[in-house]
Amino acid sequence: MKTKIGILGLGGVGGYFGGLLAKAYFESDGIEIIFIARGETQKAIAEKGLKIITDDSETIVYPKLVSNNPDEIGKLDYLICATKTYDIEESLLSIKKCITLKTVVLPLYNGVDAPERIKKIFPENEVLLGCVYIISMIISPGTIRKIGFYEKLFFGSKTIPISKLEELQSIFKNAKIESYLVENIEETVWEKFIFISALASATSYLNQNIGEILMNKESKDIYVALLYEIEAVAKAKGLQLPTDIVDQTIIKLEKSPKNATSSMNRDLLAGNKTEVTSLTQFVVNEGLKYGVETPLYEKIANALL
């Protein structure tokens, strides 16, 4: 029996990591990679494959199947989810027939509320925790552009058997994905969330890229203030984060490409729907829940909403 892995969401994250999987297992007898897509993306990949452009290469990869038809997709062993957070429920319900009780779901969204939301739809399924560090984006349907060398995938679970986690880790490693099976995965996911939430909120509110925020004292002060607010929320939740998490996050930002910005800022500029509810308002809501004041987050959420 083949192991069937569905990639739901062919944006910067799903397209890039899904592309590495598709490339590695295109001729595999044991693993089948299926891209779950519709519209122009489905049409482009079906006709010409998925193109991945990096700083020094161009690659075209082909999945075993690209479809949004549950009858064509069939039953999935693993489902890697990487849509926008505002599409979580609708996208999963559209392929409900493909998800059995044995399907393991790995969410790779920008926010941290996805596993809880997925569990409401599929309460019996194993839902892992996961996050990625990568700067990548769609530049046209079926074409992904990755900027810089940084690409890491972290995942884990406290409930699923270790053998299942190691199987997935082996699948990733064989596809040359830099992946890490992490024991304290909730803290790892929140470390990423602190980085992306503050970055998305600051770049969108100020309409500045990473270099502009770092070069402008007032802008950097806003970014750092956001970090302290979200750190306070994480501490109130009882998460065991590094004591220097703010400094660590600033260093991550300083190592990022200076001309890059957040996907939320790009969506805002393009007039598209944004992830402000999951990336900014969520922090305000968690602050209210745990009695932590987040005045700057609240100000930015109100402006962006």
C-alpha atoms as a PDB file:
ATOM      1  CA  MET A   1       0.000   0.000   0.000  1.00  0.00           C
ATOM      2  CA  LYS A   2       1.290   3.445  -0.904  1.00  0.00           C
ATOM      3  CA  THR A   3       1.586   6.194   1.684  1.00  0.00           C
ATOM      4  CA  LYS A   4      -0.510   9.055   0.328  1.00  0.00           C
ATOM      5  CA  ILE A   5       0.463  12.572   1.375  1.00  0.00           C
ATOM      6  CA  GLY A   6      -1.783  15.501   0.508  1.00  0.00           C
ATOM      7  CA  ILE A   7      -0.478  19.077   0.332  1.00  0.00           C
ATOM      8  CA  LEU A   8      -3.343  21.484   0.984  1.00  0.00           C
ATOM      9  CA  GLY A   9      -2.389  25.037   0.003  1.00  0.00           C
ATOM     10  CA  LEU A  10       0.235  25.644  -2.694  1.00  0.00           C
ATOM     11  CA  GLY A  11       1.450  29.054  -1.522  1.00  0.00           C
ATOM     12  CA  GLY A  12       4.936  29.966  -0.361  1.00  0.00           C
ATOM     13  CA  VAL A  13       5.100  27.265   2.324  1.00  0.00           C
ATOM     14  CA  GLY A  14       3.009  24.456   0.839  1.00  0.00           C
ATOM     15  CA  GLY A  15       4.357  25.056  -2.645  1.00  0.00           C
ATOM     16  CA  TYR A  16       7.993  25.021  -1.570  1.00  0.00           C
ATOM     17  CA  PHE A  17       7.989  22.067   0.826  1.00  0.00           C
ATOM     18  CA  GLY A  18       5.359  20.227  -1.210  1.00  0.00           C
ATOM     19  CA  GLY A  19       7.579  20.768  -4.234  1.00  0.00           C
ATOM     20  CA  LEU A  20      10.560  19.158  -2.496  1.00  0.00           C
ATOM     21  CA  LEU A  21       8.385  16.170  -1.600  1.00  0.00           C
ATOM     22  CA  ALA A  22       6.988  15.880  -5.129  1.00  0.00           C
ATOM     23  CA  LYS A  23      10.493  16.011  -6.605  1.00  0.00           C
ATOM     24  CA  ALA A  24      11.825  13.342  -4.246  1.00  0.00           C
ATOM     25  CA  TYR A  25       8.936  10.885  -4.620  1.00  0.00           C
ATOM     26  CA  PHE A  26       7.786  11.370  -8.215  1.00  0.00           C
ATOM     27  CA  GLU A  27       8.932   7.868  -9.199  1.00  0.00           C
ATOM     28  CA  SER A  28       8.452   6.277  -5.785  1.00  0.00           C
ATOM     29  CA  ASP A  29       6.560   3.002  -5.464  1.00  0.00           C
ATOM     30  CA  GLY A  30       5.824   3.612  -1.794  1.00  0.00           C
ATOM     31  CA  ILE A  31       4.952   7.307  -1.441  1.00  0.00           C
ATOM     32  CA  GLU A  32       2.509   9.382  -3.459  1.00  0.00           C
ATOM     33  CA  ILE A  33       2.437  13.190  -3.255  1.00  0.00           C
ATOM     34  CA  ILE A  34      -0.860  14.867  -4.130  1.00  0.00           C
ATOM     35  CA  PHE A  35      -1.275  18.619  -4.542  1.00  0.00           C
ATOM     36  CA  ILE A  36      -4.741  19.770  -3.494  1.00  0.00           C
ATOM     37  CA  ALA A  37      -5.442  22.892  -5.512  1.00  0.00           C
ATOM     38  CA  ARG A  38      -8.116  24.526  -7.629  1.00  0.00           C
ATOM     39  CA  GLY A  39      -8.602  27.292 -10.173  1.00  0.00           C
ATOM     40  CA  GLU A  40      -5.606  28.866 -11.892  1.00  0.00           C
ATOM     41  CA  THR A  41      -3.103  27.121  -9.608  1.00  0.00           C
ATOM     42  CA  GLN A  42      -4.476  23.671 -10.428  1.00  0.00           C
ATOM     43  CA  LYS A  43      -4.561  24.472 -14.142  1.00  0.00           C
ATOM     44  CA  ALA A  44      -1.001  25.847 -14.206  1.00  0.00           C
ATOM     45  CA  ILE A  45       0.512  22.897 -12.305  1.00  0.00           C
ATOM     46  CA  ALA A  46      -1.429  20.322 -14.335  1.00  0.00           C
ATOM     47  CA  GLU A  47      -0.154  21.865 -17.590  1.00  0.00           C
ATOM     48  CA  LYS A  48       3.403  22.914 -16.729  1.00  0.00           C
ATOM     49  CA  GLY A  49       4.268  21.539 -13.276  1.00  0.00           C
ATOM     50  CA  LEU A  50       5.140  23.595 -10.200  1.00  0.00           C
ATOM     51  CA  LYS A  51       8.068  25.951 -10.718  1.00  0.00           C
ATOM     52  CA  ILE A  52      10.286  26.771  -7.724  1.00  0.00           C
ATOM     53  CA  ILE A  53      12.685  29.698  -8.123  1.00  0.00           C
ATOM     54  CA  THR A  54      15.453  30.263  -5.550  1.00  0.00           C
ATOM     55  CA  ASP A  55      18.328  32.747  -5.509  1.00  0.00           C
ATOM     56  CA  ASP A  56      20.468  30.424  -7.636  1.00  0.00           C
ATOM     57  CA  SER A  57      18.192  27.856  -9.304  1.00  0.00           C
ATOM     58  CA  GLU A  58      14.929  27.091 -11.067  1.00  0.00           C
ATOM     59  CA  THR A  59      13.233  23.711 -10.695  1.00  0.00           C
ATOM     60  CA  ILE A  60      10.017  22.310 -12.130  1.00  0.00           C
ATOM     61  CA  VAL A  61       8.371  19.493 -10.189  1.00  0.00           C
ATOM     62  CA  TYR A  62       5.342  17.325 -10.819  1.00  0.00           C
ATOM     63  CA  PRO A  63       3.077  15.761  -8.185  1.00  0.00           C
ATOM     64  CA  LYS A  64       1.446  12.389  -8.766  1.00  0.00           C
ATOM     65  CA  LEU A  65      -1.841  14.270  -8.975  1.00  0.00           C
ATOM     66  CA  VAL A  66      -3.076  17.858  -8.706  1.00  0.00           C
ATOM     67  CA  SER A  67      -6.793  18.020  -7.936  1.00  0.00           C
ATOM     68  CA  ASN A  68      -9.483  19.354  -5.620  1.00  0.00           C
ATOM     69  CA  ASN A  69     -11.811  16.410  -6.275  1.00  0.00           C
ATOM     70  CA  PRO A  70     -12.016  14.150  -3.180  1.00  0.00           C
ATOM     71  CA  ASP A  71     -12.965  11.161  -5.362  1.00  0.00           C
ATOM     72  CA  GLU A  72      -9.743  11.560  -7.366  1.00  0.00           C
ATOM     73  CA  ILE A  73      -7.588  12.278  -4.318  1.00  0.00           C
ATOM     74  CA  GLY A  74      -8.772   9.290  -2.292  1.00  0.00           C
ATOM     75  CA  LYS A  75      -7.948   8.514   1.344  1.00  0.00           C
ATOM     76  CA  LEU A  76      -4.899  10.282   2.759  1.00  0.00           C
ATOM     77  CA  ASP A  77      -2.363   8.950   5.268  1.00  0.00           C
ATOM     78  CA  TYR A  78      -0.877  12.395   5.921  1.00  0.00           C
ATOM     79  CA  LEU A  79      -2.277  15.838   5.217  1.00  0.00           C
ATOM     80  CA  ILE A  80       0.058  18.842   5.289  1.00  0.00           C
ATOM     81  CA  CYS A  81      -1.982  22.046   5.564  1.00  0.00           C
ATOM     82  CA  ALA A  82      -0.545  25.385   4.467  1.00  0.00           C
ATOM     83  CA  THR A  83      -3.446  27.565   3.345  1.00  0.00           C
ATOM     84  CA  LYS A  84      -4.085  30.998   4.812  1.00  0.00           C
ATOM     85  CA  THR A  85      -5.482  30.787   8.352  1.00  0.00           C
ATOM     86  CA  TYR A  86      -8.789  32.348   7.277  1.00  0.00           C
ATOM     87  CA  ASP A  87      -9.319  29.360   4.934  1.00  0.00           C
ATOM     88  CA  ILE A  88      -8.744  26.592   7.493  1.00  0.00           C
ATOM     89  CA  GLU A  89     -12.316  25.415   7.979  1.00  0.00           C
ATOM     90  CA  GLU A  90     -13.542  25.798   4.402  1.00  0.00           C
ATOM     91  CA  SER A  91     -10.503  24.122   2.830  1.00  0.00           C
ATOM     92  CA  LEU A  92     -10.578  21.140   5.199  1.00  0.00           C
ATOM     93  CA  LEU A  93     -14.319  20.599   4.878  1.00  0.00           C
ATOM     94  CA  SER A  94     -13.955  20.578   1.075  1.00  0.00           C
ATOM     95  CA  ILE A  95     -11.819  17.396   1.309  1.00  0.00           C
ATOM     96  CA  LYS A  96     -13.520  15.815   4.323  1.00  0.00           C
ATOM     97  CA  LYS A  97     -14.017  12.551   2.386  1.00  0.00           C
ATOM     98  CA  CYS A  98     -10.233  12.175   2.052  1.00  0.00           C
ATOM     99  CA  ILE A  99      -9.623  12.229   5.811  1.00  0.00           C
ATOM    100  CA  THR A 100     -10.045   8.943   7.673  1.00  0.00           C
ATOM    101  CA  LEU A 101      -9.509   8.321  11.377  1.00  0.00           C
ATOM    102  CA  LYS A 102      -5.944   7.261  10.514  1.00  0.00           C
ATOM    103  CA  THR A 103      -5.072  10.469   8.649  1.00  0.00           C
ATOM    104  CA  VAL A 104      -2.357  12.437  10.474  1.00  0.00           C
ATOM    105  CA  VAL A 105      -2.674  16.200   9.980  1.00  0.00           C
ATOM    106  CA  LEU A 106       0.347  18.524  10.057  1.00  0.00           C
ATOM    107  CA  PRO A 107      -0.624  22.229  10.112  1.00  0.00           C
ATOM    108  CA  LEU A 108       2.037  24.649   8.833  1.00  0.00           C
ATOM    109  CA  TYR A 109       0.152  27.918   9.203  1.00  0.00           C
ATOM    110  CA  ASN A 110       1.387  31.322  10.319  1.00  0.00           C
ATOM    111  CA  GLY A 111      -0.787  31.376  13.451  1.00  0.00           C
ATOM    112  CA  VAL A 112      -0.913  29.119  16.522  1.00  0.00           C
ATOM    113  CA  ASP A 113      -4.670  28.568  16.720  1.00  0.00           C
ATOM    114  CA  ALA A 114      -4.859  26.055  13.840  1.00  0.00           C
ATOM    115  CA  PRO A 115      -4.559  22.732  15.757  1.00  0.00           C
ATOM    116  CA  GLU A 116      -7.450  23.666  18.047  1.00  0.00           C
ATOM    117  CA  ARG A 117      -9.589  24.706  15.074  1.00  0.00           C
ATOM    118  CA  ILE A 118      -8.744  21.523  13.153  1.00  0.00           C
ATOM    119  CA  LYS A 119      -9.587  19.388  16.205  1.00  0.00           C
ATOM    120  CA  LYS A 120     -13.074  20.900  16.249  1.00  0.00           C
ATOM    121  CA  ILE A 121     -13.644  19.520  12.740  1.00  0.00           C
ATOM    122  CA  PHE A 122     -11.791  16.220  13.198  1.00  0.00           C
ATOM    123  CA  PRO A 123     -11.824  15.501  16.962  1.00  0.00           C
ATOM    124  CA  GLU A 124     -10.673  11.889  16.548  1.00  0.00           C
ATOM    125  CA  ASN A 125      -7.646  12.623  14.361  1.00  0.00           C
ATOM    126  CA  GLU A 126      -4.027  13.093  15.348  1.00  0.00           C
ATOM    127  CA  VAL A 127      -3.183  16.747  14.712  1.00  0.00           C
ATOM    128  CA  LEU A 128       0.508  17.557  15.037  1.00  0.00           C
ATOM    129  CA  LEU A 129       2.023  20.913  15.925  1.00  0.00           C
ATOM    130  CA  GLY A 130       4.355  22.422  13.363  1.00  0.00           C
ATOM    131  CA  CYS A 131       5.943  25.585  11.999  1.00  0.00           C
ATOM    132  CA  VAL A 132       8.425  26.667   9.360  1.00  0.00           C
ATOM    133  CA  TYR A 133      10.993  29.418   8.909  1.00  0.00           C
ATOM    134  CA  ILE A 134      11.167  30.429   5.261  1.00  0.00           C
ATOM    135  CA  ILE A 135      10.678  33.504   3.091  1.00  0.00           C
ATOM    136  CA  SER A 136       8.781  32.363   0.012  1.00  0.00           C
ATOM    137  CA  MET A 137       5.752  33.502  -1.950  1.00  0.00           C
ATOM    138  CA  ILE A 138       3.596  32.916  -5.016  1.00  0.00           C
ATOM    139  CA  ILE A 139       4.704  35.125  -7.905  1.00  0.00           C
ATOM    140  CA  SER A 140       2.133  33.652 -10.299  1.00  0.00           C
ATOM    141  CA  PRO A 141      -0.146  30.575 -10.250  1.00  0.00           C
ATOM    142  CA  GLY A 142       2.096  27.509 -10.111  1.00  0.00           C
ATOM    143  CA  THR A 143       5.298  29.500  -9.496  1.00  0.00           C
ATOM    144  CA  ILE A 144       6.951  29.905  -6.081  1.00  0.00           C
ATOM    145  CA  ARG A 145       9.825  32.284  -5.309  1.00  0.00           C
ATOM    146  CA  LYS A 146      12.039  31.575  -2.299  1.00  0.00           C
ATOM    147  CA  ILE A 147      14.331  34.333  -0.984  1.00  0.00           C
ATOM    148  CA  GLY A 148      17.474  33.624   1.016  1.00  0.00           C
ATOM    149  CA  PHE A 149      18.940  30.362   2.257  1.00  0.00           C
ATOM    150  CA  TYR A 150      16.923  29.938   5.462  1.00  0.00           C
ATOM    151  CA  GLU A 151      14.440  27.055   5.439  1.00  0.00           C
ATOM    152  CA  LYS A 152      13.586  24.985   8.499  1.00  0.00           C
ATOM    153  CA  LEU A 153      10.566  22.848   9.380  1.00  0.00           C
ATOM    154  CA  PHE A 154       9.750  21.887  12.975  1.00  0.00           C
ATOM    155  CA  PHE A 155       7.045  19.443  14.073  1.00  0.00           C
ATOM    156  CA  GLY A 156       6.066  17.176  16.932  1.00  0.00           C
ATOM    157  CA  SER A 157       3.312  15.834  19.147  1.00  0.00           C
ATOM    158  CA  LYS A 158       2.839  14.626  22.698  1.00  0.00           C
ATOM    159  CA  THR A 159       0.085  12.152  21.791  1.00  0.00           C
ATOM    160  CA  ILE A 160       1.003  10.366  18.554  1.00  0.00           C
ATOM    161  CA  PRO A 161       3.243   7.241  18.685  1.00  0.00           C
ATOM    162  CA  ILE A 162       6.915   8.083  18.125  1.00  0.00           C
ATOM    163  CA  SER A 163       7.086   5.536  15.274  1.00  0.00           C
ATOM    164  CA  LYS A 164       4.583   7.608  13.265  1.00  0.00           C
ATOM    165  CA  LEU A 165       6.539  10.802  13.902  1.00  0.00           C
ATOM    166  CA  GLU A 166       9.796   9.114  12.885  1.00  0.00           C
ATOM    167  CA  GLU A 167       8.163   7.820   9.702  1.00  0.00           C
ATOM    168  CA  LEU A 168       7.227  11.381   8.739  1.00  0.00           C
ATOM    169  CA  GLN A 169      10.685  12.651   9.699  1.00  0.00           C
ATOM    170  CA  SER A 170      12.237  10.007   7.425  1.00  0.00           C
ATOM    171  CA  ILE A 171       9.954  11.089   4.564  1.00  0.00           C
ATOM    172  CA  PHE A 172      11.085  14.703   5.034  1.00  0.00           C
ATOM    173  CA  LYS A 173      14.786  13.853   5.336  1.00  0.00           C
ATOM    174  CA  ASN A 174      14.743  11.748   2.160  1.00  0.00           C
ATOM    175  CA  ALA A 175      13.252  14.760   0.356  1.00  0.00           C
ATOM    176  CA  LYS A 176      16.174  16.902   1.610  1.00  0.00           C
ATOM    177  CA  ILE A 177      13.862  18.972   3.802  1.00  0.00           C
ATOM    178  CA  GLU A 178      15.679  20.411   6.800  1.00  0.00           C
ATOM    179  CA  SER A 179      13.210  19.159   9.374  1.00  0.00           C
ATOM    180  CA  TYR A 180      13.392  18.726  13.126  1.00  0.00           C
ATOM    181  CA  LEU A 181      11.294  16.416  15.280  1.00  0.00           C
ATOM    182  CA  VAL A 182      10.922  18.468  18.473  1.00  0.00           C
ATOM    183  CA  GLU A 183       9.843  17.284  21.922  1.00  0.00           C
ATOM    184  CA  ASN A 184       8.777  20.707  23.280  1.00  0.00           C
ATOM    185  CA  ILE A 185       6.965  21.595  20.095  1.00  0.00           C
ATOM    186  CA  GLU A 186       4.450  24.038  21.614  1.00  0.00           C
ATOM    187  CA  GLU A 187       7.269  26.315  22.774  1.00  0.00           C
ATOM    188  CA  THR A 188       8.962  26.003  19.354  1.00  0.00           C
ATOM    189  CA  VAL A 189       5.738  26.953  17.573  1.00  0.00           C
ATOM    190  CA  TRP A 190       5.278  29.948  19.885  1.00  0.00           C
ATOM    191  CA  GLU A 191       8.879  31.089  19.311  1.00  0.00           C
ATOM    192  CA  LYS A 192       8.059  31.220  15.601  1.00  0.00           C
ATOM    193  CA  PHE A 193       4.705  32.871  16.306  1.00  0.00           C
ATOM    194  CA  ILE A 194       6.374  35.618  18.334  1.00  0.00           C
ATOM    195  CA  PHE A 195       8.642  36.306  15.352  1.00  0.00           C
ATOM    196  CA  ILE A 196       5.956  36.230  12.642  1.00  0.00           C
ATOM    197  CA  SER A 197       3.180  37.917  14.633  1.00  0.00           C
ATOM    198  CA  ALA A 198       5.277  40.957  15.535  1.00  0.00           C
ATOM    199  CA  LEU A 199       6.761  41.105  12.031  1.00  0.00           C
ATOM    200  CA  ALA A 200       3.392  40.833  10.269  1.00  0.00           C
ATOM    201  CA  SER A 201       1.829  43.407  12.579  1.00  0.00           C
ATOM    202  CA  ALA A 202       4.703  45.914  12.279  1.00  0.00           C
ATOM    203  CA  THR A 203       5.305  45.597   8.515  1.00  0.00           C
ATOM    204  CA  SER A 204       1.576  45.870   7.779  1.00  0.00           C
ATOM    205  CA  TYR A 205       0.932  48.769  10.157  1.00  0.00           C
ATOM    206  CA  LEU A 206       4.019  50.751   9.081  1.00  0.00           C
ATOM    207  CA  ASN A 207       4.033  49.536   5.460  1.00  0.00           C
ATOM    208  CA  GLN A 208       7.790  48.980   5.721  1.00  0.00           C
ATOM    209  CA  ASN A 209      10.016  46.012   4.871  1.00  0.00           C
ATOM    210  CA  ILE A 210      12.500  44.405   7.264  1.00  0.00           C
ATOM    211  CA  GLY A 211      15.397  46.697   6.316  1.00  0.00           C
ATOM    212  CA  GLU A 212      13.292  49.836   6.752  1.00  0.00           C
ATOM    213  CA  ILE A 213      12.107  48.718  10.195  1.00  0.00           C
ATOM    214  CA  LEU A 214      15.668  47.965  11.324  1.00  0.00           C
ATOM    215  CA  MET A 215      17.027  51.285   9.984  1.00  0.00           C
ATOM    216  CA  ASN A 216      14.288  53.500  11.438  1.00  0.00           C
ATOM    217  CA  LYS A 217      14.517  53.897  15.233  1.00  0.00           C
ATOM    218  CA  GLU A 218      10.801  54.629  15.729  1.00  0.00           C
ATOM    219  CA  SER A 219       9.829  51.639  13.593  1.00  0.00           C
ATOM    220  CA  LYS A 220      12.220  49.307  15.392  1.00  0.00           C
ATOM    221  CA  ASP A 221      10.905  50.550  18.761  1.00  0.00           C
ATOM    222  CA  ILE A 222       7.383  49.590  17.649  1.00  0.00           C
ATOM    223  CA  TYR A 223       8.580  46.125  16.600  1.00  0.00           C
ATOM    224  CA  VAL A 224      10.420  45.588  19.898  1.00  0.00           C
ATOM    225  CA  ALA A 225       7.420  46.805  21.936  1.00  0.00           C
ATOM    226  CA  LEU A 226       5.260  44.241  20.127  1.00  0.00           C
ATOM    227  CA  LEU A 227       7.769  41.537  21.046  1.00  0.00           C
ATOM    228  CA  TYR A 228       7.551  42.413  24.744  1.00  0.00           C
ATOM    229  CA  GLU A 229       3.742  42.388  24.649  1.00  0.00           C
ATOM    230  CA  ILE A 230       3.506  38.983  22.985  1.00  0.00           C
ATOM    231  CA  GLU A 231       6.237  37.600  25.272  1.00  0.00           C
ATOM    232  CA  ALA A 232       4.141  38.637  28.283  1.00  0.00           C
ATOM    233  CA  VAL A 233       1.128  36.797  26.821  1.00  0.00           C
ATOM    234  CA  ALA A 234       3.202  33.648  26.228  1.00  0.00           C
ATOM    235  CA  LYS A 235       4.522  33.751  29.802  1.00  0.00           C
ATOM    236  CA  ALA A 236       0.998  34.180  31.173  1.00  0.00           C
ATOM    237  CA  LYS A 237       0.000  31.048  29.257  1.00  0.00           C
ATOM    238  CA  GLY A 238       2.732  29.156  31.121  1.00  0.00           C
ATOM    239  CA  LEU A 239       4.995  28.526  28.123  1.00  0.00           C
ATOM    240  CA  GLN A 240       8.649  27.870  28.977  1.00  0.00           C
ATOM    241  CA  LEU A 241      10.339  30.175  26.487  1.00  0.00           C
ATOM    242  CA  PRO A 242      14.011  31.264  26.548  1.00  0.00           C
ATOM    243  CA  THR A 243      14.571  34.178  28.932  1.00  0.00           C
ATOM    244  CA  ASP A 244      16.166  36.140  26.065  1.00  0.00           C
ATOM    245  CA  ILE A 245      13.411  35.390  23.525  1.00  0.00           C
ATOM    246  CA  VAL A 246      13.078  39.080  22.577  1.00  0.00           C
ATOM    247  CA  ASP A 247      16.817  39.392  21.841  1.00  0.00           C
ATOM    248  CA  GLN A 248      16.798  36.080  19.952  1.00  0.00           C
ATOM    249  CA  THR A 249      13.874  37.248  17.815  1.00  0.00           C
ATOM    250  CA  ILE A 250      15.564  40.565  16.984  1.00  0.00           C
ATOM    251  CA  ILE A 251      18.666  38.632  15.864  1.00  0.00           C
ATOM    252  CA  LYS A 252      16.448  36.466  13.603  1.00  0.00           C
ATOM    253  CA  LEU A 253      15.058  39.626  12.063  1.00  0.00           C
ATOM    254  CA  GLU A 254      18.539  41.076  11.541  1.00  0.00           C
ATOM    255  CA  LYS A 255      19.570  37.890   9.715  1.00  0.00           C
ATOM    256  CA  SER A 256      16.539  38.033   7.398  1.00  0.00           C
ATOM    257  CA  PRO A 257      16.754  39.511   3.874  1.00  0.00           C
ATOM    258  CA  LYS A 258      16.406  43.281   4.270  1.00  0.00           C
ATOM    259  CA  ASN A 259      14.134  43.691   1.236  1.00  0.00           C
ATOM    260  CA  ALA A 260      11.679  41.048   2.482  1.00  0.00           C
ATOM    261  CA  THR A 261       8.381  41.751   4.205  1.00  0.00           C
ATOM    262  CA  SER A 262       5.578  39.651   5.687  1.00  0.00           C
ATOM    263  CA  SER A 263       2.939  37.829   3.645  1.00  0.00           C
ATOM    264  CA  MET A 264       0.322  39.871   5.531  1.00  0.00           C
ATOM    265  CA  ASN A 265       1.891  43.111   4.332  1.00  0.00           C
ATOM    266  CA  ARG A 266       1.969  41.761   0.755  1.00  0.00           C
ATOM    267  CA  ASP A 267      -1.705  40.762   1.003  1.00  0.00           C
ATOM    268  CA  LEU A 268      -2.627  44.183   2.376  1.00  0.00           C
ATOM    269  CA  LEU A 269      -0.821  45.980  -0.464  1.00  0.00           C
ATOM    270  CA  ALA A 270      -2.506  43.719  -3.027  1.00  0.00           C
ATOM    271  CA  GLY A 271      -5.934  44.442  -1.561  1.00  0.00           C
ATOM    272  CA  ASN A 272      -6.376  40.797  -0.559  1.00  0.00           C
ATOM    273  CA  LYS A 273      -7.879  39.362   2.605  1.00  0.00           C
ATOM    274  CA  THR A 274      -5.286  39.271   5.402  1.00  0.00           C
ATOM    275  CA  GLU A 275      -4.477  37.035   8.387  1.00  0.00           C
ATOM    276  CA  VAL A 276      -4.799  39.902  10.892  1.00  0.00           C
ATOM    277  CA  THR A 277      -7.303  37.918  12.987  1.00  0.00           C
ATOM    278  CA  SER A 278      -4.845  35.043  13.560  1.00  0.00           C
ATOM    279  CA  LEU A 279      -1.634  37.079  13.706  1.00  0.00           C
ATOM    280  CA  THR A 280      -2.587  40.296  15.515  1.00  0.00           C
ATOM    281  CA  GLN A 281      -6.089  40.155  17.010  1.00  0.00           C
ATOM    282  CA  PHE A 282      -5.364  36.672  18.423  1.00  0.00           C
ATOM    283  CA  VAL A 283      -2.668  38.180  20.677  1.00  0.00           C
ATOM    284  CA  VAL A 284      -5.131  40.815  21.921  1.00  0.00           C
ATOM    285  CA  ASN A 285      -7.718  38.102  22.657  1.00  0.00           C
ATOM    286  CA  GLU A 286      -5.182  35.904  24.486  1.00  0.00           C
ATOM    287  CA  GLY A 287      -4.063  38.946  26.480  1.00  0.00           C
ATOM    288  CA  LEU A 288      -7.653  39.572  27.582  1.00  0.00           C
ATOM    289  CA  LYS A 289      -8.031  35.890  28.481  1.00  0.00           C
ATOM    290  CA  TYR A 290      -4.898  35.873  30.661  1.00  0.00           C
ATOM    291  CA  GLY A 291      -5.102  39.404  32.047  1.00  0.00           C
ATOM    292  CA  VAL A 292      -2.201  40.826  30.061  1.00  0.00           C
ATOM    293  CA  GLU A 293      -2.409  44.307  28.566  1.00  0.00           C
ATOM    294  CA  THR A 294      -1.441  44.566  24.886  1.00  0.00           C
ATOM    295  CA  PRO A 295      -2.125  48.215  23.993  1.00  0.00           C
ATOM    296  CA  LEU A 296       0.099  48.350  20.898  1.00  0.00           C
ATOM    297  CA  TYR A 297      -1.266  45.087  19.504  1.00  0.00           C
ATOM    298  CA  GLU A 298      -4.767  46.399  20.151  1.00  0.00           C
ATOM    299  CA  LYS A 299      -4.009  49.684  18.362  1.00  0.00           C
ATOM    300  CA  ILE A 300      -2.585  47.881  15.326  1.00  0.00           C
ATOM    301  CA  ALA A 301      -5.384  45.294  15.233  1.00  0.00           C
ATOM    302  CA  ASN A 302      -7.982  48.066  15.243  1.00  0.00           C
ATOM    303  CA  ALA A 303      -6.148  49.901  12.442  1.00  0.00           C
ATOM    304  CA  LEU A 304      -5.762  46.794  10.261  1.00  0.00           C
ATOM    305  CA  LEU A 305      -9.218  45.346  10.910  1.00  0.00           C
END
